[in-house]
C-alpha atoms as a PDB file:
ATOM      1  CA  MET A   1      11.841  17.745  31.483  1.00  0.00           C
ATOM      2  CA  THR A   2      12.681  14.860  29.128  1.00  0.00           C
ATOM      3  CA  THR A   3      11.388  11.544  30.472  1.00  0.00           C
ATOM      4  CA  VAL A   4      13.161   8.286  29.631  1.00  0.00           C
ATOM      5  CA  LEU A   5      12.312   4.590  29.823  1.00  0.00           C
ATOM      6  CA  MET A   6      15.466   2.432  29.909  1.00  0.00           C
ATOM      7  CA  VAL A   7      15.386  -1.086  28.475  1.00  0.00           C
ATOM      8  CA  ASP A   8      18.341  -3.444  28.995  1.00  0.00           C
ATOM      9  CA  ASP A   9      18.607  -6.962  30.377  1.00  0.00           C
ATOM     10  CA  GLN A  10      21.754  -6.190  32.407  1.00  0.00           C
ATOM     11  CA  ASP A  11      21.221  -4.633  35.838  1.00  0.00           C
ATOM     12  CA  LEU A  12      24.664  -3.014  35.936  1.00  0.00           C
ATOM     13  CA  VAL A  13      24.162  -1.395  32.544  1.00  0.00           C
ATOM     14  CA  ARG A  14      20.829   0.066  33.619  1.00  0.00           C
ATOM     15  CA  ALA A  15      22.341   1.352  36.866  1.00  0.00           C
ATOM     16  CA  GLY A  16      25.143   3.093  34.991  1.00  0.00           C
ATOM     17  CA  LEU A  17      22.806   4.611  32.426  1.00  0.00           C
ATOM     18  CA  ARG A  18      20.402   5.747  35.141  1.00  0.00           C
ATOM     19  CA  ALA A  19      23.169   7.601  36.971  1.00  0.00           C
ATOM     20  CA  LEU A  20      24.466   9.112  33.740  1.00  0.00           C
ATOM     21  CA  LEU A  21      21.081  10.358  32.556  1.00  0.00           C
ATOM     22  CA  ASN A  22      19.828  11.542  35.940  1.00  0.00           C
ATOM     23  CA  SER A  23      22.964  13.670  36.291  1.00  0.00           C
ATOM     24  CA  ASP A  24      21.380  15.965  33.707  1.00  0.00           C
ATOM     25  CA  PRO A  25      18.777  18.211  35.390  1.00  0.00           C
ATOM     26  CA  GLY A  26      16.728  18.192  32.198  1.00  0.00           C
ATOM     27  CA  ILE A  27      16.416  14.389  31.975  1.00  0.00           C
ATOM     28  CA  THR A  28      14.740  11.926  34.322  1.00  0.00           C
ATOM     29  CA  VAL A  29      14.465   8.133  34.116  1.00  0.00           C
ATOM     30  CA  VAL A  30      10.846   7.250  34.903  1.00  0.00           C
ATOM     31  CA  ALA A  31      10.985   3.456  34.496  1.00  0.00           C
ATOM     32  CA  GLU A  32      13.212   0.508  33.614  1.00  0.00           C
ATOM     33  CA  ALA A  33      12.618  -2.822  31.880  1.00  0.00           C
ATOM     34  CA  SER A  34      14.779  -5.885  31.286  1.00  0.00           C
ATOM     35  CA  ASP A  35      12.954  -7.228  28.220  1.00  0.00           C
ATOM     36  CA  GLY A  36      10.989  -5.966  25.250  1.00  0.00           C
ATOM     37  CA  ALA A  37       7.540  -7.107  26.334  1.00  0.00           C
ATOM     38  CA  ARG A  38       7.843  -5.321  29.671  1.00  0.00           C
ATOM     39  CA  ALA A  39       9.181  -2.266  27.849  1.00  0.00           C
ATOM     40  CA  VAL A  40       5.996  -1.999  25.796  1.00  0.00           C
ATOM     41  CA  GLU A  41       3.846  -2.281  28.938  1.00  0.00           C
ATOM     42  CA  LEU A  42       5.815   0.418  30.747  1.00  0.00           C
ATOM     43  CA  ALA A  43       5.832   2.676  27.706  1.00  0.00           C
ATOM     44  CA  VAL A  44       2.030   2.599  27.630  1.00  0.00           C
ATOM     45  CA  ARG A  45       1.879   3.256  31.380  1.00  0.00           C
ATOM     46  CA  HIS A  46       4.400   6.107  31.563  1.00  0.00           C
ATOM     47  CA  ARG A  47       4.270   7.606  28.032  1.00  0.00           C
ATOM     48  CA  PRO A  48       7.980   8.587  28.133  1.00  0.00           C
ATOM     49  CA  ASP A  49       9.481  11.059  25.688  1.00  0.00           C
ATOM     50  CA  VAL A  50      12.267   8.609  24.832  1.00  0.00           C
ATOM     51  CA  VAL A  51      12.756   4.852  25.165  1.00  0.00           C
ATOM     52  CA  LEU A  52      16.436   3.908  25.366  1.00  0.00           C
ATOM     53  CA  MET A  53      16.308   0.393  23.906  1.00  0.00           C
ATOM     54  CA  ASP A  54      18.803  -2.470  23.813  1.00  0.00           C
ATOM     55  CA  ILE A  55      18.441  -4.991  20.956  1.00  0.00           C
ATOM     56  CA  ARG A  56      19.510  -8.430  22.161  1.00  0.00           C
ATOM     57  CA  MET A  57      17.386  -9.428  25.168  1.00  0.00           C
ATOM     58  CA  PRO A  58      15.617 -12.607  26.326  1.00  0.00           C
ATOM     59  CA  GLY A  59      12.103 -13.041  25.004  1.00  0.00           C
ATOM     60  CA  THR A  60      10.909 -10.061  22.988  1.00  0.00           C
ATOM     61  CA  ASP A  61      13.941  -8.312  21.507  1.00  0.00           C
ATOM     62  CA  GLY A  62      14.452  -4.592  21.062  1.00  0.00           C
ATOM     63  CA  ILE A  63      13.533  -4.523  17.375  1.00  0.00           C
ATOM     64  CA  GLU A  64      10.137  -6.124  17.979  1.00  0.00           C
ATOM     65  CA  ALA A  65       9.523  -3.932  21.030  1.00  0.00           C
ATOM     66  CA  THR A  66      10.346  -0.856  18.951  1.00  0.00           C
ATOM     67  CA  ARG A  67       7.915  -1.974  16.262  1.00  0.00           C
ATOM     68  CA  ARG A  68       5.121  -2.403  18.831  1.00  0.00           C
ATOM     69  CA  ILE A  69       5.782   0.955  20.460  1.00  0.00           C
ATOM     70  CA  ARG A  70       5.872   2.839  17.170  1.00  0.00           C
ATOM     71  CA  ALA A  71       2.698   1.078  15.987  1.00  0.00           C
ATOM     72  CA  ASP A  72       0.713   2.021  19.109  1.00  0.00           C
ATOM     73  CA  PRO A  73      -1.249   5.263  18.531  1.00  0.00           C
ATOM     74  CA  ARG A  74      -1.132   5.956  22.279  1.00  0.00           C
ATOM     75  CA  LEU A  75       2.645   6.274  21.962  1.00  0.00           C
ATOM     76  CA  ALA A  76       2.770   8.497  18.896  1.00  0.00           C
ATOM     77  CA  ALA A  77       4.875  11.067  20.766  1.00  0.00           C
ATOM     78  CA  THR A  78       7.324   8.506  22.180  1.00  0.00           C
ATOM     79  CA  ARG A  79      10.651   8.171  20.379  1.00  0.00           C
ATOM     80  CA  VAL A  80      12.841   5.061  20.485  1.00  0.00           C
ATOM     81  CA  LEU A  81      16.615   5.363  20.589  1.00  0.00           C
ATOM     82  CA  ILE A  82      18.552   2.119  20.132  1.00  0.00           C
ATOM     83  CA  LEU A  83      21.581   1.760  22.433  1.00  0.00           C
ATOM     84  CA  THR A  84      23.464  -1.492  21.957  1.00  0.00           C
ATOM     85  CA  THR A  85      26.859  -3.153  21.676  1.00  0.00           C
ATOM     86  CA  PHE A  86      25.987  -4.577  18.243  1.00  0.00           C
ATOM     87  CA  ASP A  87      26.944  -2.598  15.136  1.00  0.00           C
ATOM     88  CA  ASP A  88      25.550  -4.981  12.521  1.00  0.00           C
ATOM     89  CA  ALA A  89      24.263  -3.001   9.531  1.00  0.00           C
ATOM     90  CA  ALA A  90      21.271  -5.307   9.103  1.00  0.00           C
ATOM     91  CA  ASP A  91      20.186  -4.507  12.675  1.00  0.00           C
ATOM     92  CA  VAL A  92      20.523  -0.781  11.961  1.00  0.00           C
ATOM     93  CA  ILE A  93      18.394  -0.989   8.832  1.00  0.00           C
ATOM     94  CA  GLU A  94      15.738  -3.080  10.565  1.00  0.00           C
ATOM     95  CA  ALA A  95      15.660  -0.716  13.551  1.00  0.00           C
ATOM     96  CA  VAL A  96      15.159   2.291  11.291  1.00  0.00           C
ATOM     97  CA  ARG A  97      12.557   0.404   9.263  1.00  0.00           C
ATOM     98  CA  VAL A  98      10.406  -0.237  12.338  1.00  0.00           C
ATOM     99  CA  GLY A  99      10.650   3.385  13.444  1.00  0.00           C
ATOM    100  CA  ALA A 100      13.706   3.916  15.665  1.00  0.00           C
ATOM    101  CA  ALA A 101      14.793   7.553  15.884  1.00  0.00           C
ATOM    102  CA  GLY A 102      18.458   6.668  16.180  1.00  0.00           C
ATOM    103  CA  TYR A 103      21.065   3.984  16.744  1.00  0.00           C
ATOM    104  CA  LEU A 104      24.009   4.386  19.111  1.00  0.00           C
ATOM    105  CA  LEU A 105      26.652   2.098  20.554  1.00  0.00           C
ATOM    106  CA  LYS A 106      27.131   1.628  24.289  1.00  0.00           C
ATOM    107  CA  ASP A 107      30.612   3.135  24.114  1.00  0.00           C
ATOM    108  CA  THR A 108      29.012   6.515  23.343  1.00  0.00           C
ATOM    109  CA  ALA A 109      30.356   9.153  25.743  1.00  0.00           C
ATOM    110  CA  GLY A 110      28.029  10.454  28.453  1.00  0.00           C
ATOM    111  CA  PRO A 111      27.589  13.993  27.077  1.00  0.00           C
ATOM    112  CA  GLU A 112      26.900  12.594  23.605  1.00  0.00           C
ATOM    113  CA  LEU A 113      24.312  10.174  24.957  1.00  0.00           C
ATOM    114  CA  ARG A 114      22.505  12.909  26.890  1.00  0.00           C
ATOM    115  CA  HIS A 115      22.568  15.070  23.753  1.00  0.00           C
ATOM    116  CA  ALA A 116      21.162  12.161  21.732  1.00  0.00           C
ATOM    117  CA  VAL A 117      18.288  11.711  24.186  1.00  0.00           C
ATOM    118  CA  ARG A 118      17.413  15.405  23.983  1.00  0.00           C
ATOM    119  CA  THR A 119      17.691  15.365  20.184  1.00  0.00           C
ATOM    120  CA  ALA A 120      15.381  12.359  19.912  1.00  0.00           C
ATOM    121  CA  ALA A 121      12.869  13.960  22.289  1.00  0.00           C
ATOM    122  CA  GLU A 122      12.848  17.066  20.095  1.00  0.00           C
ATOM    123  CA  GLY A 123      12.051  15.003  17.002  1.00  0.00           C
ATOM    124  CA  GLY A 124      15.556  14.563  15.611  1.00  0.00           C
ATOM    125  CA  ASN A 125      17.131  11.424  14.174  1.00  0.00           C
ATOM    126  CA  LEU A 126      20.729  10.378  14.642  1.00  0.00           C
ATOM    127  CA  LEU A 127      23.300   7.657  14.103  1.00  0.00           C
ATOM    128  CA  SER A 128      26.712   7.375  15.693  1.00  0.00           C
ATOM    129  CA  PRO A 129      29.629   7.928  13.251  1.00  0.00           C
ATOM    130  CA  THR A 130      30.685   4.287  13.666  1.00  0.00           C
ATOM    131  CA  ILE A 131      27.213   3.086  12.724  1.00  0.00           C
ATOM    132  CA  THR A 132      27.072   5.422   9.725  1.00  0.00           C
ATOM    133  CA  ARG A 133      30.362   4.046   8.404  1.00  0.00           C
ATOM    134  CA  ARG A 134      29.214   0.462   8.909  1.00  0.00           C
ATOM    135  CA  LEU A 135      25.947   1.232   7.130  1.00  0.00           C
ATOM    136  CA  MET A 136      27.786   2.789   4.203  1.00  0.00           C
ATOM    137  CA  ASP A 137      30.006  -0.294   3.916  1.00  0.00           C
ATOM    138  CA  PHE A 138      26.874  -2.426   3.842  1.00  0.00           C
ATOM    139  CA  VAL A 139      25.247  -0.283   1.162  1.00  0.00           C
ATOM    140  CA  ALA A 140      28.455  -0.295  -0.894  1.00  0.00           C
ATOM    141  CA  ALA A 141      28.317  -4.089  -1.007  1.00  0.00           C
ATOM    142  CA  THR A 142      24.772  -4.101  -2.416  1.00  0.00           C
ATOM    143  CA  PRO A 143      23.933  -3.567  -6.111  1.00  0.00           C
ATOM    144  CA  PRO A 144      23.538   0.152  -6.886  1.00  0.00           C
ATOM    145  CA  GLN A 145      20.294   1.625  -8.120  1.00  0.00           C
ATOM    146  CA  PRO A 146      20.251   2.102 -11.891  1.00  0.00           C
ATOM    147  CA  ALA A 147      20.025   5.904 -11.630  1.00  0.00           C
ATOM    148  CA  PRO A 148      20.528   8.698  -9.094  1.00  0.00           C
ATOM    149  CA  HIS A 149      17.590   9.685  -6.945  1.00  0.00           C
ATOM    150  CA  PRO A 150      15.149  11.685  -9.116  1.00  0.00           C
ATOM    151  CA  GLY A 151      14.896  14.417  -6.505  1.00  0.00           C
ATOM    152  CA  LEU A 152      18.565  15.395  -6.770  1.00  0.00           C
ATOM    153  CA  GLY A 153      17.701  17.818  -9.544  1.00  0.00           C
ATOM    154  CA  THR A 154      15.688  19.904  -7.083  1.00  0.00           C
ATOM    155  CA  LEU A 155      18.691  20.499  -4.818  1.00  0.00           C
ATOM    156  CA  SER A 156      20.894  23.563  -4.970  1.00  0.00           C
ATOM    157  CA  GLU A 157      24.670  23.244  -5.242  1.00  0.00           C
ATOM    158  CA  ARG A 158      25.024  23.921  -1.522  1.00  0.00           C
ATOM    159  CA  GLU A 159      22.343  21.354  -0.677  1.00  0.00           C
ATOM    160  CA  LEU A 160      24.218  18.769  -2.750  1.00  0.00           C
ATOM    161  CA  GLU A 161      27.371  19.569  -0.765  1.00  0.00           C
ATOM    162  CA  VAL A 162      25.476  19.076   2.489  1.00  0.00           C
ATOM    163  CA  LEU A 163      23.936  15.823   1.235  1.00  0.00           C
ATOM    164  CA  THR A 164      27.400  14.567   0.320  1.00  0.00           C
ATOM    165  CA  ARG A 165      28.600  15.296   3.849  1.00  0.00           C
ATOM    166  CA  VAL A 166      25.597  13.496   5.337  1.00  0.00           C
ATOM    167  CA  GLY A 167      26.483  10.520   3.153  1.00  0.00           C
ATOM    168  CA  GLN A 168      29.999  10.571   4.570  1.00  0.00           C
ATOM    169  CA  GLY A 169      28.599  10.335   8.092  1.00  0.00           C
ATOM    170  CA  ASP A 170      29.236  13.932   9.186  1.00  0.00           C
ATOM    171  CA  THR A 171      27.206  15.429  12.019  1.00  0.00           C
ATOM    172  CA  ASN A 172      25.577  18.846  11.634  1.00  0.00           C
ATOM    173  CA  ASP A 173      28.453  20.447  13.533  1.00  0.00           C
ATOM    174  CA  GLU A 174      31.002  18.754  11.258  1.00  0.00           C
ATOM    175  CA  ILE A 175      29.075  19.845   8.169  1.00  0.00           C
ATOM    176  CA  ALA A 176      28.980  23.398   9.492  1.00  0.00           C
ATOM    177  CA  ALA A 177      32.740  23.441  10.096  1.00  0.00           C
ATOM    178  CA  ALA A 178      33.593  21.925   6.709  1.00  0.00           C
ATOM    179  CA  LEU A 179      31.327  24.249   4.716  1.00  0.00           C
ATOM    180  CA  PHE A 180      31.851  27.368   6.856  1.00  0.00           C
ATOM    181  CA  LEU A 181      28.244  27.480   8.044  1.00  0.00           C
ATOM    182  CA  SER A 182      26.673  27.954  11.434  1.00  0.00           C
ATOM    183  CA  PRO A 183      25.321  24.745  13.039  1.00  0.00           C
ATOM    184  CA  ALA A 184      21.805  26.187  12.804  1.00  0.00           C
ATOM    185  CA  THR A 185      22.225  26.780   9.067  1.00  0.00           C
ATOM    186  CA  ALA A 186      23.543  23.251   8.590  1.00  0.00           C
ATOM    187  CA  ARG A 187      20.466  21.875  10.375  1.00  0.00           C
ATOM    188  CA  THR A 188      18.232  23.992   8.142  1.00  0.00           C
ATOM    189  CA  TYR A 189      19.891  22.618   5.011  1.00  0.00           C
ATOM    190  CA  VAL A 190      19.447  19.041   6.220  1.00  0.00           C
ATOM    191  CA  SER A 191      15.760  19.701   6.950  1.00  0.00           C
ATOM    192  CA  ARG A 192      15.260  21.154   3.465  1.00  0.00           C
ATOM    193  CA  ILE A 193      16.958  18.171   1.842  1.00  0.00           C
ATOM    194  CA  LEU A 194      14.813  15.742   3.839  1.00  0.00           C
ATOM    195  CA  ALA A 195      11.696  17.522   2.571  1.00  0.00           C
ATOM    196  CA  LYS A 196      12.847  17.780  -1.052  1.00  0.00           C
ATOM    197  CA  LEU A 197      13.874  14.125  -1.273  1.00  0.00           C
ATOM    198  CA  ASP A 198      10.883  12.928   0.768  1.00  0.00           C
ATOM    199  CA  ALA A 199      13.307  11.123   3.077  1.00  0.00           C
ATOM    200  CA  ARG A 200      12.377  10.152   6.619  1.00  0.00           C
ATOM    201  CA  ASP A 201      15.729  10.650   8.318  1.00  0.00           C
ATOM    202  CA  ARG A 202      19.500  11.041   7.946  1.00  0.00           C
ATOM    203  CA  THR A 203      19.943   7.314   7.412  1.00  0.00           C
ATOM    204  CA  GLU A 204      17.836   7.431   4.276  1.00  0.00           C
ATOM    205  CA  LEU A 205      19.689  10.545   3.119  1.00  0.00           C
ATOM    206  CA  ALA A 206      23.016   8.760   3.585  1.00  0.00           C
ATOM    207  CA  ILE A 207      21.822   5.821   1.495  1.00  0.00           C
ATOM    208  CA  ILE A 208      20.550   8.168  -1.234  1.00  0.00           C
ATOM    209  CA  ALA A 209      23.888   9.999  -1.275  1.00  0.00           C
ATOM    210  CA  HIS A 210      25.846   6.777  -1.577  1.00  0.00           C
ATOM    211  CA  ARG A 211      23.672   5.192  -4.244  1.00  0.00           C
ATOM    212  CA  SER A 212      23.692   8.429  -6.223  1.00  0.00           C
ATOM    213  CA  GLY A 213      27.486   8.494  -6.247  1.00  0.00           C
ATOM    214  CA  LEU A 214      27.846  11.502  -3.956  1.00  0.00           C
ATOM    215  CA  ALA A 215      29.579   9.700  -1.081  1.00  0.00           C
END
């Protein structure tokens, strides 16, 4: 059973998310908070698998709450998934920097959100396609690095193709379809690339791909 702590300052939003998540027999909402400070307290008390975190809230915001949760050794197994209406690239980068496992918008469909919660609980990282595109636009507007990532030379031709697709914002299923692979094989390639490039997550891979001229 995947346990979830929901954090949002709007009662109606929490009620809707609670109903959506609890409709999955493999997910249960164990606690709710309306601000970041309370979220940290409840995370320590309940040790949830996933914290579903809004960003803009009164008092302690979601970014700071995420930083505190990820810095607490008692919560090493707890993953934070940002769910917000704001698609600002700077927020995405800051959320990833402080340890968020993913960043989704509140218009994410129910099945996709439940899948994201399970993926985060299993140790995966994810960004919605809209967020990936916004992040790539942001990176494109910044000065490029003087040279491609030094680890690119360790990648096979197929791994470079997969990295390019990650840089374009494709999911594992989309990569599999485009390159005629099984989804499991696509996931394996992404894991290998993460290890070879010493990257923490797909967001960092996407930035590497873009700055290296692959996407």
